[in-house]
């Protein structure tokens, strides 16, 4: 099986009210020095075999993210860090 991770974030120019709410709450918890907070989502998919990059891009662009207001990044964690290095 191949695990694919798609991280979806609002584009930098899009206001993030959820992130702003977290940023506003941090000082009440004693956390200082945080300049900004952006909230996104992580989607994990398991495929029976390694999918084509084009298929993953189409999936993310058409279903998992709204390309008008969101950016996405696709990664295959098992391939990113060899087991010997972990």
C-alpha atoms as a PDB file:
ATOM      1  CA  UNK A   1       0.000   0.000   0.000  1.00  0.00           C
ATOM      2  CA  UNK A   2       1.053   3.555  -0.665  1.00  0.00           C
ATOM      3  CA  UNK A   3       0.097   6.330   1.723  1.00  0.00           C
ATOM      4  CA  UNK A   4      -0.355   9.775   0.196  1.00  0.00           C
ATOM      5  CA  UNK A   5      -0.723  12.930   2.272  1.00  0.00           C
ATOM      6  CA  UNK A   6      -2.388  16.046   0.900  1.00  0.00           C
ATOM      7  CA  UNK A   7      -1.951  19.197   2.986  1.00  0.00           C
ATOM      8  CA  UNK A   8      -4.426  21.944   2.115  1.00  0.00           C
ATOM      9  CA  UNK A   9      -3.929  25.550   3.244  1.00  0.00           C
ATOM     10  CA  UNK A  10      -5.653  28.810   2.475  1.00  0.00           C
ATOM     11  CA  UNK A  11      -3.653  30.922   0.039  1.00  0.00           C
ATOM     12  CA  UNK A  12      -1.572  33.576   1.830  1.00  0.00           C
ATOM     13  CA  UNK A  13      -3.733  36.426   0.520  1.00  0.00           C
ATOM     14  CA  UNK A  14      -6.941  34.840   1.899  1.00  0.00           C
ATOM     15  CA  UNK A  15      -7.982  35.871   5.408  1.00  0.00           C
ATOM     16  CA  UNK A  16      -7.942  33.009   7.918  1.00  0.00           C
ATOM     17  CA  UNK A  17     -10.468  33.791  10.685  1.00  0.00           C
ATOM     18  CA  UNK A  18      -9.897  30.435  12.373  1.00  0.00           C
ATOM     19  CA  UNK A  19      -6.152  31.055  12.487  1.00  0.00           C
ATOM     20  CA  UNK A  20      -6.754  34.581  13.779  1.00  0.00           C
ATOM     21  CA  UNK A  21      -8.964  33.241  16.577  1.00  0.00           C
ATOM     22  CA  UNK A  22      -6.182  30.878  17.658  1.00  0.00           C
ATOM     23  CA  UNK A  23      -3.605  33.674  17.451  1.00  0.00           C
ATOM     24  CA  UNK A  24      -5.822  35.895  19.615  1.00  0.00           C
ATOM     25  CA  UNK A  25      -6.184  33.137  22.240  1.00  0.00           C
ATOM     26  CA  UNK A  26      -2.473  32.355  22.570  1.00  0.00           C
ATOM     27  CA  UNK A  27      -1.578  35.265  24.896  1.00  0.00           C
ATOM     28  CA  UNK A  28      -4.367  34.203  27.276  1.00  0.00           C
ATOM     29  CA  UNK A  29      -2.565  30.869  27.546  1.00  0.00           C
ATOM     30  CA  UNK A  30       0.746  32.560  28.229  1.00  0.00           C
ATOM     31  CA  UNK A  31       2.142  31.907  24.749  1.00  0.00           C
ATOM     32  CA  UNK A  32       4.040  34.864  23.321  1.00  0.00           C
ATOM     33  CA  UNK A  33       6.173  35.535  20.276  1.00  0.00           C
ATOM     34  CA  UNK A  34       3.828  33.942  17.713  1.00  0.00           C
ATOM     35  CA  UNK A  35       3.565  36.248  14.695  1.00  0.00           C
ATOM     36  CA  UNK A  36       0.730  34.490  12.873  1.00  0.00           C
ATOM     37  CA  UNK A  37      -1.324  31.309  12.771  1.00  0.00           C
ATOM     38  CA  UNK A  38      -2.738  29.633   9.666  1.00  0.00           C
ATOM     39  CA  UNK A  39      -5.154  26.717   9.936  1.00  0.00           C
ATOM     40  CA  UNK A  40      -5.303  24.028   7.258  1.00  0.00           C
ATOM     41  CA  UNK A  41      -6.215  20.403   6.888  1.00  0.00           C
ATOM     42  CA  UNK A  42      -4.375  17.159   6.247  1.00  0.00           C
ATOM     43  CA  UNK A  43      -5.876  14.373   4.163  1.00  0.00           C
ATOM     44  CA  UNK A  44      -4.333  10.892   4.178  1.00  0.00           C
ATOM     45  CA  UNK A  45      -5.159   8.441   1.393  1.00  0.00           C
ATOM     46  CA  UNK A  46      -4.054   4.817   1.098  1.00  0.00           C
ATOM     47  CA  UNK A  47      -3.718   3.373  -2.395  1.00  0.00           C
ATOM     48  CA  UNK A  48      -3.189  -0.264  -3.310  1.00  0.00           C
ATOM     49  CA  UNK A  49      -0.268   0.798  -5.518  1.00  0.00           C
ATOM     50  CA  UNK A  50       1.644   4.017  -6.137  1.00  0.00           C
ATOM     51  CA  UNK A  51      -0.619   6.410  -8.050  1.00  0.00           C
ATOM     52  CA  UNK A  52       0.551   8.639 -10.893  1.00  0.00           C
ATOM     53  CA  UNK A  53       1.395  12.214  -9.928  1.00  0.00           C
ATOM     54  CA  UNK A  54      -1.099  13.527 -12.502  1.00  0.00           C
ATOM     55  CA  UNK A  55      -3.875  11.485 -10.878  1.00  0.00           C
ATOM     56  CA  UNK A  56      -3.005  12.934  -7.464  1.00  0.00           C
ATOM     57  CA  UNK A  57      -2.939  16.492  -8.808  1.00  0.00           C
ATOM     58  CA  UNK A  58      -6.358  16.027 -10.416  1.00  0.00           C
ATOM     59  CA  UNK A  59      -7.775  14.540  -7.216  1.00  0.00           C
ATOM     60  CA  UNK A  60      -6.473  17.403  -5.098  1.00  0.00           C
ATOM     61  CA  UNK A  61      -7.424  20.107  -7.596  1.00  0.00           C
ATOM     62  CA  UNK A  62     -10.942  18.828  -8.315  1.00  0.00           C
ATOM     63  CA  UNK A  63     -12.032  17.327  -4.989  1.00  0.00           C
ATOM     64  CA  UNK A  64      -9.790  17.947  -1.991  1.00  0.00           C
ATOM     65  CA  UNK A  65      -8.951  21.637  -2.400  1.00  0.00           C
ATOM     66  CA  UNK A  66     -10.647  24.719  -3.751  1.00  0.00           C
ATOM     67  CA  UNK A  67      -7.970  26.070  -6.123  1.00  0.00           C
ATOM     68  CA  UNK A  68      -9.486  29.560  -6.027  1.00  0.00           C
ATOM     69  CA  UNK A  69      -8.702  30.060  -2.333  1.00  0.00           C
ATOM     70  CA  UNK A  70      -6.483  27.115  -1.340  1.00  0.00           C
ATOM     71  CA  UNK A  71      -3.062  25.691  -2.133  1.00  0.00           C
ATOM     72  CA  UNK A  72      -2.159  22.049  -1.642  1.00  0.00           C
ATOM     73  CA  UNK A  73       0.986  19.996  -1.244  1.00  0.00           C
ATOM     74  CA  UNK A  74       1.177  16.278  -1.994  1.00  0.00           C
ATOM     75  CA  UNK A  75       3.683  13.995  -0.305  1.00  0.00           C
ATOM     76  CA  UNK A  76       4.365  10.291  -0.029  1.00  0.00           C
ATOM     77  CA  UNK A  77       5.808  10.042   3.504  1.00  0.00           C
ATOM     78  CA  UNK A  78       7.196   6.520   3.166  1.00  0.00           C
ATOM     79  CA  UNK A  79       9.273   7.621   0.196  1.00  0.00           C
ATOM     80  CA  UNK A  80      10.355  10.921   1.737  1.00  0.00           C
ATOM     81  CA  UNK A  81      12.318   9.407   4.656  1.00  0.00           C
ATOM     82  CA  UNK A  82      14.105   6.101   4.068  1.00  0.00           C
ATOM     83  CA  UNK A  83      13.619   3.673   6.952  1.00  0.00           C
ATOM     84  CA  UNK A  84      17.381   3.523   7.609  1.00  0.00           C
ATOM     85  CA  UNK A  85      17.439   7.288   8.256  1.00  0.00           C
ATOM     86  CA  UNK A  86      14.458   7.274  10.635  1.00  0.00           C
END
